[in-house]
N, C-alpha and C. Protein backbone atom coordinates (compact mmCIF):
# COMPACT_ATOMS: atom_id res chain seq x y z
N MET A 1 12.96 -16.99 -24.98
CA MET A 1 13.17 -15.87 -25.58
C MET A 1 13.30 -14.87 -24.75
N SER A 2 14.02 -13.95 -24.81
CA SER A 2 14.33 -12.82 -23.93
C SER A 2 13.97 -11.87 -24.56
N TRP A 3 13.64 -10.26 -23.82
CA TRP A 3 13.07 -9.35 -24.43
C TRP A 3 13.84 -7.99 -23.58
N ARG A 4 14.21 -7.26 -24.24
CA ARG A 4 14.49 -6.02 -23.49
C ARG A 4 14.05 -4.71 -24.35
N ALA A 5 13.98 -3.55 -23.43
CA ALA A 5 13.68 -2.27 -24.08
C ALA A 5 14.43 -1.29 -24.04
N VAL A 6 14.50 -0.52 -25.17
CA VAL A 6 15.37 0.47 -25.49
C VAL A 6 14.64 1.85 -25.68
N PHE A 7 14.67 2.63 -24.81
CA PHE A 7 13.90 3.79 -24.55
C PHE A 7 15.08 5.12 -24.13
N ASP A 8 14.41 6.12 -24.30
CA ASP A 8 14.98 7.63 -23.51
C ASP A 8 13.98 7.79 -22.42
N ALA A 9 14.56 8.32 -21.49
CA ALA A 9 13.50 8.68 -20.27
C ALA A 9 14.20 9.87 -19.75
N LYS A 10 12.90 10.41 -18.87
CA LYS A 10 13.34 11.64 -18.26
C LYS A 10 12.57 11.63 -16.92
N VAL A 11 13.31 11.88 -15.75
CA VAL A 11 12.91 11.40 -14.56
C VAL A 11 13.12 12.90 -13.76
N THR A 12 12.11 13.02 -12.94
CA THR A 12 12.00 14.39 -11.97
C THR A 12 12.04 13.75 -10.69
N PHE A 13 12.66 14.55 -9.70
CA PHE A 13 12.86 14.00 -8.25
C PHE A 13 12.05 14.73 -7.26
N SER A 14 11.75 14.32 -6.31
CA SER A 14 10.96 15.01 -5.21
C SER A 14 11.57 16.24 -4.40
N ASN A 15 12.81 16.10 -4.56
CA ASN A 15 13.85 16.77 -3.87
C ASN A 15 14.73 17.97 -4.85
N GLU A 16 13.76 17.98 -6.13
CA GLU A 16 14.08 18.84 -7.21
C GLU A 16 15.05 18.14 -7.96
N GLY A 17 15.36 18.72 -9.06
CA GLY A 17 16.41 18.35 -10.36
C GLY A 17 15.69 17.34 -10.85
N GLY A 18 16.32 16.67 -12.05
CA GLY A 18 16.17 15.68 -12.90
C GLY A 18 17.12 15.04 -13.60
N LEU A 19 16.98 13.67 -14.20
CA LEU A 19 17.90 12.98 -14.95
C LEU A 19 17.32 12.58 -16.55
N GLN A 20 18.15 12.68 -17.19
CA GLN A 20 17.59 12.33 -18.96
C GLN A 20 18.58 11.34 -19.19
N ALA A 21 18.09 10.06 -19.98
CA ALA A 21 18.85 8.97 -20.35
C ALA A 21 18.59 8.90 -21.87
N GLN A 22 19.20 8.47 -22.91
CA GLN A 22 18.91 8.16 -24.03
C GLN A 22 19.22 6.83 -24.49
N GLY A 23 18.42 5.95 -25.14
CA GLY A 23 18.81 4.94 -25.65
C GLY A 23 19.40 3.65 -24.41
N PHE A 24 18.56 3.97 -23.42
CA PHE A 24 18.78 3.30 -22.02
C PHE A 24 18.13 1.93 -22.75
N ARG A 25 18.62 0.86 -21.67
CA ARG A 25 17.87 -0.71 -22.05
C ARG A 25 17.93 -1.25 -20.75
N VAL A 26 16.63 -1.94 -20.60
CA VAL A 26 16.39 -2.95 -19.21
C VAL A 26 15.96 -3.89 -19.91
N ASP A 27 15.98 -5.09 -19.19
CA ASP A 27 15.36 -6.32 -19.59
C ASP A 27 14.07 -6.29 -19.27
N VAL A 28 12.92 -6.93 -19.83
CA VAL A 28 11.67 -6.75 -19.81
C VAL A 28 10.80 -8.16 -19.78
N PRO A 29 9.62 -8.52 -19.46
CA PRO A 29 8.98 -9.74 -19.14
C PRO A 29 8.85 -10.21 -20.56
N GLY A 30 8.39 -9.62 -21.41
CA GLY A 30 7.79 -9.63 -22.97
C GLY A 30 7.69 -8.60 -23.68
N PRO A 31 7.28 -8.73 -24.96
CA PRO A 31 7.23 -7.90 -25.88
C PRO A 31 6.13 -6.82 -25.86
N ASP A 32 4.89 -7.47 -24.71
CA ASP A 32 3.87 -6.59 -24.27
C ASP A 32 3.75 -5.67 -23.21
N VAL A 33 5.10 -5.35 -22.77
CA VAL A 33 5.14 -4.77 -21.57
C VAL A 33 4.83 -3.17 -21.84
N THR A 34 4.49 -2.38 -20.92
CA THR A 34 3.86 -1.21 -20.83
C THR A 34 5.13 -0.12 -20.53
N ASP A 35 4.64 1.15 -21.14
CA ASP A 35 5.77 1.99 -20.63
C ASP A 35 5.79 2.39 -18.89
N ALA A 36 4.63 2.29 -18.51
CA ALA A 36 4.73 2.44 -16.73
C ALA A 36 5.41 1.43 -16.33
N GLU A 37 5.57 0.14 -16.78
CA GLU A 37 6.53 -1.08 -16.28
C GLU A 37 7.89 -0.68 -16.69
N ILE A 38 8.26 -0.37 -18.16
CA ILE A 38 9.36 0.02 -18.04
C ILE A 38 10.07 1.28 -17.29
N GLY A 39 9.20 2.00 -17.22
CA GLY A 39 9.54 3.34 -16.36
C GLY A 39 9.96 2.70 -14.94
N HIS A 40 9.17 1.83 -14.39
CA HIS A 40 9.39 1.41 -12.98
C HIS A 40 10.63 0.42 -13.14
N LEU A 41 10.87 -0.26 -14.09
CA LEU A 41 12.38 -1.14 -14.17
C LEU A 41 13.55 -0.01 -14.08
N PHE A 42 13.31 1.06 -15.20
CA PHE A 42 14.35 2.20 -15.17
C PHE A 42 14.55 2.57 -13.43
N ILE A 43 13.61 2.97 -13.00
CA ILE A 43 13.86 3.48 -11.62
C ILE A 43 14.39 2.54 -11.02
N THR A 44 14.01 1.51 -10.83
CA THR A 44 14.32 0.21 -9.87
C THR A 44 15.80 -0.17 -10.09
N SER A 45 16.20 -0.33 -11.62
CA SER A 45 17.39 -0.77 -11.61
C SER A 45 18.39 0.46 -11.49
N LEU A 46 18.32 1.64 -11.30
CA LEU A 46 19.18 2.66 -11.09
C LEU A 46 19.25 3.09 -9.51
N ASP A 47 18.41 2.39 -8.86
CA ASP A 47 18.15 2.55 -7.09
C ASP A 47 17.64 4.20 -7.19
N LEU A 48 16.60 4.80 -7.68
CA LEU A 48 16.63 6.03 -7.66
C LEU A 48 15.38 6.59 -6.41
N LEU A 49 15.95 6.43 -5.31
CA LEU A 49 14.81 6.52 -4.12
C LEU A 49 14.23 7.74 -4.17
N MET A 50 14.55 8.71 -4.69
CA MET A 50 13.83 10.12 -4.70
C MET A 50 12.87 10.44 -6.10
N ALA A 51 13.25 9.43 -6.60
CA ALA A 51 12.07 10.11 -7.99
C ALA A 51 10.76 10.07 -7.90
N ASP A 52 10.22 11.13 -8.53
CA ASP A 52 8.82 11.28 -8.18
C ASP A 52 8.02 11.06 -9.35
N SER A 53 8.77 11.01 -10.87
CA SER A 53 8.03 10.77 -12.04
C SER A 53 9.20 10.08 -13.23
N VAL A 54 8.63 9.44 -13.74
CA VAL A 54 9.62 8.99 -14.86
C VAL A 54 8.51 9.01 -16.29
N VAL A 55 9.20 9.44 -17.30
CA VAL A 55 8.30 9.60 -18.78
C VAL A 55 9.31 8.65 -19.64
N VAL A 56 9.07 7.69 -20.40
CA VAL A 56 9.82 7.11 -21.05
C VAL A 56 8.95 7.53 -22.67
N ARG A 57 10.02 7.48 -23.66
CA ARG A 57 9.54 7.89 -25.06
C ARG A 57 10.52 7.04 -25.97
N ASN A 58 10.15 6.97 -27.17
CA ASN A 58 10.87 6.23 -28.20
C ASN A 58 11.41 4.75 -27.99
N VAL A 59 10.30 3.98 -27.32
CA VAL A 59 10.45 2.89 -26.73
C VAL A 59 10.72 1.88 -27.93
N ARG A 60 11.52 0.90 -28.01
CA ARG A 60 11.56 -0.03 -28.91
C ARG A 60 11.70 -1.46 -28.21
N ILE A 61 11.06 -2.43 -28.23
CA ILE A 61 11.29 -3.52 -27.71
C ILE A 61 11.96 -4.53 -28.66
N ILE A 62 13.08 -5.34 -28.23
CA ILE A 62 14.07 -6.00 -29.05
C ILE A 62 14.40 -7.37 -28.57
N GLU A 63 14.52 -8.13 -29.32
CA GLU A 63 14.89 -9.69 -28.87
C GLU A 63 16.32 -9.42 -28.63
N GLU A 64 16.66 -9.70 -27.11
CA GLU A 64 18.08 -9.53 -26.67
C GLU A 64 18.31 -10.39 -25.65
N GLU A 65 19.12 -11.09 -25.34
CA GLU A 65 19.36 -11.74 -23.89
C GLU A 65 19.38 -10.94 -23.08
N HIS A 66 18.88 -11.06 -21.94
CA HIS A 66 18.57 -10.64 -20.53
C HIS A 66 19.99 -10.17 -20.06
N LYS A 67 20.31 -9.27 -19.39
CA LYS A 67 21.94 -8.64 -18.76
C LYS A 67 21.41 -8.77 -17.29
N GLY A 68 20.53 -9.00 -16.73
CA GLY A 68 20.52 -8.85 -15.60
C GLY A 68 19.91 -7.63 -14.70
N THR A 69 18.88 -6.78 -15.43
CA THR A 69 18.47 -5.57 -14.89
C THR A 69 17.92 -5.81 -13.63
N ARG A 70 18.29 -4.96 -12.63
CA ARG A 70 17.68 -5.13 -11.04
C ARG A 70 16.37 -4.79 -11.23
N GLY A 71 15.72 -5.79 -10.36
CA GLY A 71 14.21 -5.83 -10.44
C GLY A 71 13.42 -6.43 -11.85
N GLY A 72 14.11 -6.60 -12.69
CA GLY A 72 13.87 -7.30 -13.73
C GLY A 72 13.48 -8.67 -13.84
N PRO A 73 12.98 -9.20 -14.95
CA PRO A 73 12.67 -10.73 -15.08
C PRO A 73 14.00 -11.67 -14.83
N SER A 74 15.16 -11.30 -15.01
CA SER A 74 16.29 -12.04 -14.88
C SER A 74 16.75 -12.00 -13.39
N ASP A 75 16.34 -11.07 -12.99
CA ASP A 75 17.07 -10.64 -11.41
C ASP A 75 17.05 -11.84 -10.44
N PRO A 76 17.96 -12.68 -9.79
CA PRO A 76 17.79 -13.78 -9.06
C PRO A 76 17.06 -13.42 -7.55
N ARG A 77 17.38 -12.06 -7.29
CA ARG A 77 16.43 -11.55 -6.07
C ARG A 77 15.13 -11.43 -6.28
N ARG A 78 14.32 -11.53 -7.48
CA ARG A 78 12.79 -11.72 -7.31
C ARG A 78 12.09 -12.64 -6.82
């Protein structure tokens, strides 16, 4: 069984500025994943090197085939 998180996110960067996403999806290891883990997967999947903080909201965990989220459970580099 494969799981994905669907969520909104707000990222702030250490060099100022920010980024917002709505309805973003990442592969997750299971339905009990934490918001912190989802935030980390989001930052990793986009290679956001200067990210200072990330807040995820409106999280839904759905049963859906993994798409290969960078840093996620199906990433072959893990």
